[in-house]
Amino acid sequence: MTLLNGCSTMTLNKQCRERADDALCYEQLRATDDGISRYEGMLSRNIKSRDGKILLPYKRYSSGADRPLVFFLGGGPGITNLSYQPPASLLQHYDVVMLEYRGVGKSSVKLESPYFRKAMTRLKGSLSLEAVEKMRPLYRRGFEDLKARGFVFDDFAIEEIVADLELLRTRLGYQTVNLVAHSFGTRVALKYKYLHPQVIDASVLFALNTPGGFIWYPQQTQAVLQRYQQSIASVGSADSQAFEAMLQQPKPWPKRWLGIPTDPAKTLFTSFMMSYNRHTAGYAYKALLDAQDGGSFHWFLLARTYGIFIRVGFNWPDLFLKAYLEDCNPEWVEEADRQGRDAVFQSPSSILFGGYREFLDVYGECRPRPIILDFSRTLVVAGEFDISTPLERLPPSLPSEQLIIVKNFGHADPLYREKERAGQVISRYLTDQTFSPDAFGHPSVFVPKAFVQ
């Protein structure tokens, strides 16, 4: 590996594209702080898509000493893997590397097509397969457009992401690697361990997403909301009874506020996504409760927020393609839709996976992605109120003694809201496979500000 300082990034990337082999093209020192140096480099891979080459940037934090390696694998799909800032408690003991996911973020080849976002803007009425009928033509155009632009779909499967990581590990000269992952990243971590078990030392997985996990089942979502209702009831919230009634049988959602049209499907989808974070979930749930009494400004505002979310929330072609490649199963989607008929959030998965017919017409078939789950030397951290990867989805093969359930936390909170504590948990487990069940403390019962009387 050669450090090329002083050369422009443009020059280095041009040289990288001209290489015929898979290679670590360059690595440059960018900054040093408290004895930890941050390097930025570029991995070059040959692919079948477009012009046959993809450049993947990475960040590496290192003290320069001979230390074990951690690959950080963030959530998604549709989101960059370069935004995480490793906590000091982790950097004290480990080199940390983040490699960009192919097809998104700062990857030189990004999955691009306007039709998926356009399809999402057509959402109207309900979160159901029935509502998807008006979106299907745009889903089809989206998948056809990706193919016409020269994208070979299998280039963006998780197996290829694993191949990127394994090439980088070997080129950097590390003999083994530890994996720290969140949500979509845990799917990558599980496949990495399945394909290369001999190089994985240990793993810490936040918000575990196992095969099938891109499909949200409304009955499991309802179970999470039931725990939430019990939480606010335990502190005497006046809203707890109304929340329970909404869970049992939600009233029809309002379609107007002060005479202004508001679409229930858009508000419900926005509210569902806000439920990932404990600090926004409460406001979303309060808006739902107010809507059960006829509507409110917050209900109207969430409907308007949907448009902003669709524009900036995800790289939608990346999300759709990678999720469909992994969890393309019409029976799962139809079961989720059936469960959503009487559920608070109905079935968000019906919207995101409602284009499975169109995907199959373009791609050809749902291809099995073989994997055997291996939780040896693995710690899983789950939030009690995680609505995306709920406790109900934890596989039976996961030993309970390798699980931390963080009370009152949602999907992203344990890793991102408690970053230093998370770093301490990660460092301890990776070092000697021990942890404290109370590692995240004893937070009091969480009552959102929206519920304070």
Protein backbone atom coordinates (compact mmCIF):
# COMPACT_ATOMS: atom_id res chain seq x y z
CA MET A 1 0.00 0.00 0.00
CA THR A 2 1.39 3.42 -0.93
CA LEU A 3 0.57 6.71 0.77
CA LEU A 4 0.24 9.39 -1.89
CA ASN A 5 0.17 12.76 -0.16
CA GLY A 6 -0.01 16.01 -2.07
CA CYS A 7 -1.76 14.66 -5.18
CA SER A 8 -5.21 15.94 -6.05
CA THR A 9 -8.13 13.61 -5.51
CA MET A 10 -9.11 14.06 -9.14
CA THR A 11 -5.71 12.85 -10.32
CA LEU A 12 -5.71 9.90 -7.95
CA ASN A 13 -9.21 8.84 -8.96
CA LYS A 14 -8.31 9.06 -12.65
CA GLN A 15 -5.35 6.75 -12.05
CA CYS A 16 -7.61 4.46 -10.05
CA ARG A 17 -10.14 4.12 -12.89
CA GLU A 18 -7.37 3.23 -15.32
CA ARG A 19 -6.28 0.21 -13.31
CA ALA A 20 -7.34 -3.12 -14.76
CA ASP A 21 -7.35 -5.04 -11.47
CA ASP A 22 -9.23 -4.93 -8.19
CA ALA A 23 -7.03 -2.78 -6.00
CA LEU A 24 -6.57 -0.44 -3.08
CA CYS A 25 -5.56 2.54 -5.20
CA TYR A 26 -4.40 5.01 -2.60
CA GLU A 27 -4.64 6.14 0.99
CA GLN A 28 -3.96 9.67 2.27
CA LEU A 29 -3.54 11.07 5.75
CA ARG A 30 -6.24 13.68 6.36
CA ALA A 31 -5.98 14.57 10.06
CA THR A 32 -4.53 13.52 13.41
CA ASP A 33 -6.27 14.15 16.73
CA ASP A 34 -5.33 12.79 20.19
CA GLY A 35 -2.98 10.27 18.64
CA ILE A 36 -5.57 8.90 16.19
CA SER A 37 -4.92 9.48 12.50
CA ARG A 38 -7.72 9.62 9.96
CA TYR A 39 -6.89 8.33 6.51
CA GLU A 40 -9.05 8.45 3.40
CA GLY A 41 -8.54 6.03 0.57
CA MET A 42 -10.09 4.49 -2.49
CA LEU A 43 -10.89 0.91 -3.42
CA SER A 44 -11.26 -0.02 -7.08
CA ARG A 45 -13.44 -2.95 -8.18
CA ASN A 46 -14.29 -4.41 -11.56
CA ILE A 47 -18.05 -4.78 -12.07
CA LYS A 48 -20.44 -5.71 -14.88
CA SER A 49 -22.41 -2.46 -14.73
CA ARG A 50 -21.84 0.69 -16.74
CA ASP A 51 -18.20 1.14 -17.76
CA GLY A 52 -17.03 -1.87 -15.77
CA LYS A 53 -15.36 -0.04 -12.89
CA ILE A 54 -16.52 1.25 -9.50
CA LEU A 55 -14.53 3.33 -7.01
CA LEU A 56 -15.42 3.04 -3.35
CA PRO A 57 -14.00 5.55 -0.88
CA TYR A 58 -13.24 4.58 2.70
CA LYS A 59 -12.14 6.16 5.97
CA ARG A 60 -9.65 4.52 8.33
CA TYR A 61 -8.95 5.60 11.91
CA SER A 62 -5.68 4.26 13.31
CA SER A 63 -3.07 5.00 15.96
CA GLY A 64 -0.35 3.48 13.80
CA ALA A 65 0.22 0.66 16.28
CA ASP A 66 -0.50 -2.99 15.55
CA ARG A 67 -4.15 -3.05 16.61
CA PRO A 68 -7.18 -5.17 15.66
CA LEU A 69 -9.54 -3.98 12.95
CA VAL A 70 -13.22 -3.07 13.14
CA PHE A 71 -15.39 -2.68 10.07
CA PHE A 72 -18.38 -0.41 10.77
CA LEU A 73 -21.46 -1.23 8.68
CA GLY A 74 -24.25 1.31 8.91
CA GLY A 75 -27.95 1.20 8.12
CA GLY A 76 -29.86 1.56 4.88
CA PRO A 77 -30.17 0.67 2.07
CA GLY A 78 -30.18 4.03 0.37
CA ILE A 79 -27.83 5.69 2.87
CA THR A 80 -24.09 6.35 2.84
CA ASN A 81 -21.81 4.27 5.10
CA LEU A 82 -19.32 7.11 5.65
CA SER A 83 -21.15 9.40 8.08
CA TYR A 84 -20.48 7.55 11.36
CA GLN A 85 -17.94 9.11 13.73
CA PRO A 86 -16.40 6.36 15.90
CA PRO A 87 -16.45 7.21 19.62
CA ALA A 88 -13.21 7.70 21.55
CA SER A 89 -13.99 4.66 23.71
CA LEU A 90 -13.74 2.48 20.59
CA LEU A 91 -10.79 4.24 18.97
CA GLN A 92 -8.72 3.74 22.14
CA HIS A 93 -8.40 0.05 21.35
CA TYR A 94 -9.27 -0.56 17.70
CA ASP A 95 -8.60 0.65 14.20
CA VAL A 96 -11.97 1.49 12.64
CA VAL A 97 -12.72 1.42 8.92
CA MET A 98 -15.86 2.51 7.06
CA LEU A 99 -16.10 1.53 3.39
CA GLU A 100 -18.77 3.16 1.26
CA TYR A 101 -21.57 0.91 0.08
CA ARG A 102 -21.57 0.42 -3.68
CA GLY A 103 -24.35 2.27 -5.51
CA VAL A 104 -24.94 5.04 -2.98
CA GLY A 105 -23.34 7.99 -1.23
CA LYS A 106 -19.85 8.71 -2.55
CA SER A 107 -19.62 5.53 -4.62
CA SER A 108 -18.45 6.48 -8.12
CA VAL A 109 -21.36 4.48 -9.53
CA LYS A 110 -24.67 5.49 -7.95
CA LEU A 111 -27.97 3.81 -8.62
CA GLU A 112 -29.99 6.53 -10.34
CA SER A 113 -33.53 6.69 -11.68
CA PRO A 114 -36.22 9.31 -11.00
CA TYR A 115 -39.14 6.92 -11.22
CA PHE A 116 -39.02 5.43 -7.73
CA ARG A 117 -39.33 8.83 -6.08
CA LYS A 118 -42.07 9.73 -8.56
CA ALA A 119 -43.89 6.54 -7.60
CA MET A 120 -43.69 7.45 -3.93
CA THR A 121 -45.21 10.87 -4.63
CA ARG A 122 -48.29 9.11 -6.04
CA LEU A 123 -49.04 7.49 -2.69
CA LYS A 124 -52.62 8.23 -1.71
CA GLY A 125 -55.37 6.86 0.49
CA SER A 126 -53.85 4.03 2.51
CA LEU A 127 -50.71 2.00 3.09
CA SER A 128 -51.89 -1.06 1.21
CA LEU A 129 -51.37 -3.00 -1.99
CA GLU A 130 -54.59 -1.47 -3.26
CA ALA A 131 -52.98 1.98 -3.08
CA VAL A 132 -49.93 0.69 -4.98
CA GLU A 133 -51.90 0.09 -8.18
CA LYS A 134 -51.35 3.69 -9.30
CA MET A 135 -47.67 3.41 -8.41
CA ARG A 136 -46.90 0.16 -10.23
CA PRO A 137 -46.32 1.68 -13.69
CA LEU A 138 -43.64 3.95 -12.23
CA TYR A 139 -42.05 1.07 -10.33
CA ARG A 140 -41.82 -0.81 -13.63
CA ARG A 141 -40.30 2.21 -15.37
CA GLY A 142 -37.82 2.51 -12.51
CA PHE A 143 -36.50 -1.03 -12.80
CA GLU A 144 -36.50 -0.82 -16.60
CA ASP A 145 -34.66 2.50 -16.40
CA LEU A 146 -31.96 1.04 -14.14
CA LYS A 147 -31.42 -1.76 -16.64
CA ALA A 148 -31.38 0.67 -19.57
CA ARG A 149 -28.76 2.78 -17.82
CA GLY A 150 -26.46 -0.21 -17.76
CA PHE A 151 -26.89 -1.38 -14.18
CA VAL A 152 -26.54 -5.14 -13.69
CA PHE A 153 -28.72 -5.78 -10.67
CA ASP A 154 -26.57 -8.53 -9.12
CA ASP A 155 -23.65 -6.10 -8.90
CA PHE A 156 -25.45 -4.57 -5.92
CA ALA A 157 -26.28 -7.69 -3.93
CA ILE A 158 -24.98 -8.06 -0.38
CA GLU A 159 -22.53 -10.75 -1.53
CA GLU A 160 -20.76 -8.09 -3.61
CA ILE A 161 -20.63 -5.67 -0.67
CA VAL A 162 -18.98 -8.45 1.34
CA ALA A 163 -16.48 -8.97 -1.48
CA ASP A 164 -15.62 -5.26 -1.31
CA LEU A 165 -14.97 -5.50 2.41
CA GLU A 166 -12.90 -8.64 2.16
CA LEU A 167 -10.71 -7.14 -0.57
CA LEU A 168 -10.13 -4.03 1.54
CA ARG A 169 -9.24 -6.10 4.61
CA THR A 170 -6.61 -8.07 2.73
CA ARG A 171 -5.17 -5.00 0.98
CA LEU A 172 -4.87 -3.15 4.27
CA GLY A 173 -2.94 -6.11 5.69
CA TYR A 174 -5.21 -7.13 8.57
CA GLN A 175 -5.39 -10.86 9.23
CA THR A 176 -8.84 -10.78 10.84
CA VAL A 177 -11.66 -8.32 11.42
CA ASN A 178 -14.36 -7.47 13.97
CA LEU A 179 -17.78 -6.32 12.78
CA VAL A 180 -19.90 -3.56 14.29
CA ALA A 181 -23.15 -3.09 12.42
CA HIS A 182 -26.55 -1.44 12.54
CA SER A 183 -29.81 -2.47 10.82
CA PHE A 184 -29.05 -3.11 7.10
CA GLY A 185 -25.40 -3.37 8.09
CA THR A 186 -26.22 -6.40 10.25
CA ARG A 187 -27.46 -8.19 7.12
CA VAL A 188 -24.07 -7.48 5.56
CA ALA A 189 -22.30 -8.66 8.73
CA LEU A 190 -24.26 -11.91 8.88
CA LYS A 191 -23.46 -12.67 5.22
CA TYR A 192 -19.80 -11.75 5.75
CA LYS A 193 -19.56 -14.25 8.60
CA TYR A 194 -21.34 -16.90 6.54
CA LEU A 195 -18.97 -16.48 3.59
CA HIS A 196 -15.72 -15.89 5.52
CA PRO A 197 -16.11 -17.27 9.06
CA GLN A 198 -12.37 -17.82 9.46
CA VAL A 199 -11.57 -14.08 9.36
CA ILE A 200 -14.27 -12.83 11.75
CA ASP A 201 -13.12 -12.41 15.35
CA ALA A 202 -16.31 -11.09 16.96
CA SER A 203 -19.40 -9.04 16.12
CA VAL A 204 -21.64 -6.49 17.85
CA LEU A 205 -24.93 -6.08 15.99
CA PHE A 206 -27.38 -3.26 16.74
CA ALA A 207 -31.00 -3.56 15.51
CA LEU A 208 -30.56 -7.05 14.06
CA ASN A 209 -32.00 -7.49 10.56
CA THR A 210 -32.17 -11.15 9.57
CA PRO A 211 -33.37 -12.56 6.20
CA GLY A 212 -36.89 -11.31 5.55
CA GLY A 213 -36.28 -8.33 7.80
CA PHE A 214 -36.96 -5.68 5.18
CA ILE A 215 -40.64 -6.66 5.39
CA TRP A 216 -42.45 -5.05 8.33
CA TYR A 217 -45.29 -7.16 9.69
CA PRO A 218 -48.08 -5.03 11.22
CA GLN A 219 -48.82 -7.53 14.00
CA GLN A 220 -45.25 -7.11 15.23
CA THR A 221 -45.50 -3.34 14.88
CA GLN A 222 -48.67 -3.43 16.97
CA ALA A 223 -46.79 -5.37 19.66
CA VAL A 224 -44.16 -2.62 19.82
CA LEU A 225 -46.86 0.03 20.11
CA GLN A 226 -48.52 -1.99 22.86
CA ARG A 227 -45.30 -1.87 24.89
CA TYR A 228 -45.17 1.85 24.27
CA GLN A 229 -48.74 2.27 25.51
CA GLN A 230 -47.94 0.31 28.66
CA SER A 231 -44.94 2.55 29.23
CA ILE A 232 -46.91 5.79 29.18
CA ALA A 233 -49.70 4.17 31.22
CA SER A 234 -47.22 3.26 33.95
CA VAL A 235 -46.47 6.95 34.55
CA GLY A 236 -50.13 7.96 34.53
CA SER A 237 -50.31 9.65 31.15
CA ALA A 238 -53.83 10.80 30.35
CA ASP A 239 -53.26 9.70 26.76
CA SER A 240 -52.69 6.03 27.59
CA GLN A 241 -56.36 5.03 27.33
CA ALA A 242 -56.80 6.80 24.01
CA PHE A 243 -53.62 5.11 22.76
CA GLU A 244 -54.96 1.71 23.79
CA ALA A 245 -58.27 2.36 22.04
CA MET A 246 -56.41 3.36 18.88
CA LEU A 247 -54.45 0.12 19.00
CA GLN A 248 -57.58 -1.97 19.36
CA GLN A 249 -59.47 -0.35 16.48
CA PRO A 250 -58.29 2.90 14.89
CA LYS A 251 -61.01 5.22 13.68
CA PRO A 252 -60.99 6.38 10.06
CA TRP A 253 -58.18 8.85 9.54
CA PRO A 254 -59.17 12.45 8.68
CA LYS A 255 -58.75 13.62 5.10
CA ARG A 256 -58.98 17.36 5.80
CA TRP A 257 -57.78 19.93 8.28
CA LEU A 258 -59.62 23.26 8.33
CA GLY A 259 -60.91 22.36 4.90
CA ILE A 260 -57.42 21.69 3.52
CA PRO A 261 -56.97 18.18 2.04
CA THR A 262 -54.58 15.92 3.95
CA ASP A 263 -53.74 12.44 2.80
CA PRO A 264 -53.79 9.76 5.55
CA ALA A 265 -51.33 7.51 3.70
CA LYS A 266 -48.66 10.19 3.59
CA THR A 267 -49.11 11.07 7.26
CA LEU A 268 -49.01 7.43 8.36
CA PHE A 269 -45.86 6.74 6.34
CA THR A 270 -44.12 9.80 7.77
CA SER A 271 -45.20 8.87 11.30
CA PHE A 272 -43.91 5.35 10.88
CA MET A 273 -40.48 6.60 9.82
CA MET A 274 -40.43 9.06 12.73
CA SER A 275 -40.99 6.11 15.07
CA TYR A 276 -37.40 4.96 14.50
CA ASN A 277 -36.18 7.52 17.04
CA ARG A 278 -37.51 7.85 20.59
CA HIS A 279 -37.19 11.64 20.42
CA THR A 280 -39.48 11.96 17.40
CA ALA A 281 -41.77 8.98 17.97
CA GLY A 282 -43.73 10.70 20.72
CA TYR A 283 -44.66 13.63 18.53
CA ALA A 284 -45.75 11.32 15.73
CA TYR A 285 -47.90 9.28 18.10
CA LYS A 286 -49.45 12.42 19.58
CA ALA A 287 -50.41 13.54 16.10
CA LEU A 288 -52.07 10.17 15.51
CA LEU A 289 -54.03 10.47 18.75
CA ASP A 290 -55.19 13.98 17.89
CA ALA A 291 -56.25 12.73 14.47
CA GLN A 292 -58.43 10.13 16.14
CA ASP A 293 -60.32 13.09 17.61
CA GLY A 294 -60.80 14.65 14.22
CA GLY A 295 -57.43 16.00 13.13
CA SER A 296 -54.89 18.62 14.13
CA PHE A 297 -52.27 20.95 12.75
CA HIS A 298 -49.62 18.30 13.50
CA TRP A 299 -51.51 15.72 11.43
CA PHE A 300 -51.61 18.23 8.56
CA LEU A 301 -47.92 19.06 9.05
CA LEU A 302 -46.85 15.40 8.90
CA ALA A 303 -48.70 15.00 5.61
CA ARG A 304 -46.76 17.95 4.20
CA THR A 305 -43.49 16.63 5.63
CA TYR A 306 -43.88 13.51 3.51
CA GLY A 307 -42.89 15.41 0.38
CA ILE A 308 -39.65 16.62 1.98
CA PHE A 309 -38.86 13.13 3.24
CA ILE A 310 -39.35 11.61 -0.22
CA ARG A 311 -36.95 14.16 -1.74
CA VAL A 312 -34.11 13.82 0.77
CA GLY A 313 -34.68 10.72 2.92
CA PHE A 314 -33.04 8.00 0.83
CA ASN A 315 -31.44 7.15 -2.46
CA TRP A 316 -34.65 5.38 -3.49
CA PRO A 317 -33.27 3.31 -6.40
CA ASP A 318 -30.60 1.93 -4.04
CA LEU A 319 -33.15 1.14 -1.34
CA PHE A 320 -35.59 -0.54 -3.71
CA LEU A 321 -33.05 -2.61 -5.63
CA LYS A 322 -31.04 -3.90 -2.67
CA ALA A 323 -34.12 -4.66 -0.58
CA TYR A 324 -35.83 -6.48 -3.46
CA LEU A 325 -32.69 -8.49 -4.21
CA GLU A 326 -32.62 -9.74 -0.62
CA ASP A 327 -36.26 -10.12 0.40
CA CYS A 328 -38.17 -10.60 -2.84
CA ASN A 329 -41.02 -12.84 -1.67
CA PRO A 330 -44.58 -12.05 -2.82
CA GLU A 331 -46.09 -14.20 -0.05
CA TRP A 332 -44.37 -12.12 2.64
CA VAL A 333 -45.65 -8.88 1.12
CA GLU A 334 -49.21 -10.16 0.79
CA GLU A 335 -49.18 -11.41 4.39
CA ALA A 336 -47.99 -8.02 5.63
CA ASP A 337 -50.76 -6.36 3.62
CA ARG A 338 -53.36 -8.66 5.13
CA GLN A 339 -52.17 -7.92 8.65
CA GLY A 340 -52.28 -4.18 8.02
CA ARG A 341 -56.01 -3.90 7.40
CA ASP A 342 -56.84 -3.16 11.06
CA ALA A 343 -53.45 -1.90 12.25
CA VAL A 344 -52.55 1.65 13.26
CA PHE A 345 -49.85 2.08 10.62
CA GLN A 346 -51.59 -0.25 8.16
CA SER A 347 -48.80 -1.83 6.02
CA PRO A 348 -45.83 0.40 5.02
CA SER A 349 -44.19 -2.64 3.42
CA SER A 350 -47.05 -2.87 0.95
CA ILE A 351 -45.88 0.49 -0.42
CA LEU A 352 -42.18 -0.27 -0.56
CA PHE A 353 -42.53 -3.86 -1.81
CA GLY A 354 -45.70 -3.44 -3.84
CA GLY A 355 -43.65 -3.37 -7.04
CA TYR A 356 -42.50 -6.98 -6.74
CA ARG A 357 -44.34 -8.04 -9.91
CA GLU A 358 -42.64 -5.31 -11.89
CA PHE A 359 -39.27 -6.22 -10.39
CA LEU A 360 -39.74 -9.86 -11.35
CA ASP A 361 -40.73 -8.93 -14.90
CA VAL A 362 -37.45 -7.03 -15.31
CA TYR A 363 -35.11 -9.14 -13.15
CA GLY A 364 -36.56 -12.55 -13.92
CA GLU A 365 -37.00 -14.32 -10.60
CA CYS A 366 -36.62 -14.16 -6.85
CA ARG A 367 -33.29 -15.89 -6.35
CA PRO A 368 -32.60 -17.55 -2.98
CA ARG A 369 -29.72 -15.92 -1.10
CA PRO A 370 -28.25 -18.80 0.94
CA ILE A 371 -27.14 -18.08 4.49
CA ILE A 372 -26.80 -19.94 7.77
CA LEU A 373 -27.04 -17.67 10.79
CA ASP A 374 -24.04 -18.00 13.09
CA PHE A 375 -24.20 -16.08 16.37
CA SER A 376 -21.00 -17.42 17.89
CA ARG A 377 -18.90 -14.58 19.38
CA THR A 378 -21.78 -12.21 18.64
CA LEU A 379 -23.56 -9.66 20.85
CA VAL A 380 -26.92 -8.28 19.74
CA VAL A 381 -28.26 -4.97 21.07
CA ALA A 382 -31.98 -4.29 20.58
CA GLY A 383 -34.21 -1.36 21.51
CA GLU A 384 -37.43 -2.14 23.37
CA PHE A 385 -39.40 0.19 21.08
CA ASP A 386 -37.61 -0.66 17.83
CA ILE A 387 -40.36 -0.54 15.22
CA SER A 388 -38.17 -1.52 12.24
CA THR A 389 -36.39 -4.58 13.65
CA PRO A 390 -38.66 -5.42 16.59
CA LEU A 391 -37.91 -7.84 19.42
CA GLU A 392 -40.54 -10.13 17.91
CA ARG A 393 -38.23 -10.72 14.92
CA LEU A 394 -35.25 -11.98 16.93
CA PRO A 395 -34.42 -15.49 15.69
CA PRO A 396 -34.78 -18.46 18.07
CA SER A 397 -31.17 -19.41 17.34
CA LEU A 398 -29.92 -16.26 19.10
CA PRO A 399 -28.93 -17.22 22.68
CA SER A 400 -30.62 -14.96 25.23
CA GLU A 401 -27.30 -14.58 27.06
CA GLN A 402 -25.93 -12.78 23.99
CA LEU A 403 -28.66 -10.15 23.91
CA ILE A 404 -29.02 -6.70 25.48
CA ILE A 405 -32.51 -5.20 25.35
CA VAL A 406 -32.29 -1.46 25.97
CA LYS A 407 -35.44 -0.29 27.70
CA ASN A 408 -37.27 2.73 26.27
CA PHE A 409 -35.01 2.93 23.20
CA GLY A 410 -35.94 2.71 19.54
CA HIS A 411 -34.25 1.57 16.35
CA ALA A 412 -31.32 3.97 16.23
CA ASP A 413 -31.02 5.16 19.83
CA PRO A 414 -28.60 2.64 21.43
CA LEU A 415 -25.87 3.19 18.85
CA TYR A 416 -26.29 6.84 17.91
CA ARG A 417 -27.88 8.57 20.93
CA GLU A 418 -25.62 6.77 23.42
CA LYS A 419 -22.48 6.74 21.31
CA GLU A 420 -19.86 6.65 24.09
CA ARG A 421 -21.71 3.98 26.05
CA ALA A 422 -22.12 2.02 22.87
CA GLY A 423 -18.39 2.37 22.23
CA GLN A 424 -17.62 0.99 25.68
CA VAL A 425 -19.97 -1.96 25.15
CA ILE A 426 -18.42 -2.67 21.76
CA SER A 427 -14.82 -2.45 23.00
CA ARG A 428 -15.44 -4.71 25.98
CA TYR A 429 -17.27 -7.36 24.00
CA LEU A 430 -14.81 -7.42 21.13
CA THR A 431 -11.94 -7.73 23.59
CA ASP A 432 -13.12 -10.59 25.79
CA GLN A 433 -16.74 -11.41 24.81
CA THR A 434 -18.16 -10.10 28.07
CA PHE A 435 -20.75 -7.40 28.71
CA SER A 436 -23.10 -6.07 31.36
CA PRO A 437 -26.84 -6.43 30.72
CA ASP A 438 -27.15 -2.99 32.32
CA ALA A 439 -24.48 -1.46 30.11
CA PHE A 440 -26.83 1.29 28.92
CA GLY A 441 -27.91 2.17 32.44
CA HIS A 442 -31.40 2.22 33.92
CA PRO A 443 -33.31 4.92 32.08
CA SER A 444 -36.58 5.91 33.63
CA VAL A 445 -39.78 5.10 31.79
CA PHE A 446 -39.70 7.26 28.70
CA VAL A 447 -42.53 9.77 28.40
CA PRO A 448 -42.35 11.92 25.26
CA LYS A 449 -42.77 15.63 25.81
CA ALA A 450 -45.87 15.42 23.68
CA PHE A 451 -47.50 13.25 26.36
CA VAL A 452 -46.64 15.46 29.35
CA GLN A 453 -49.84 16.92 30.70
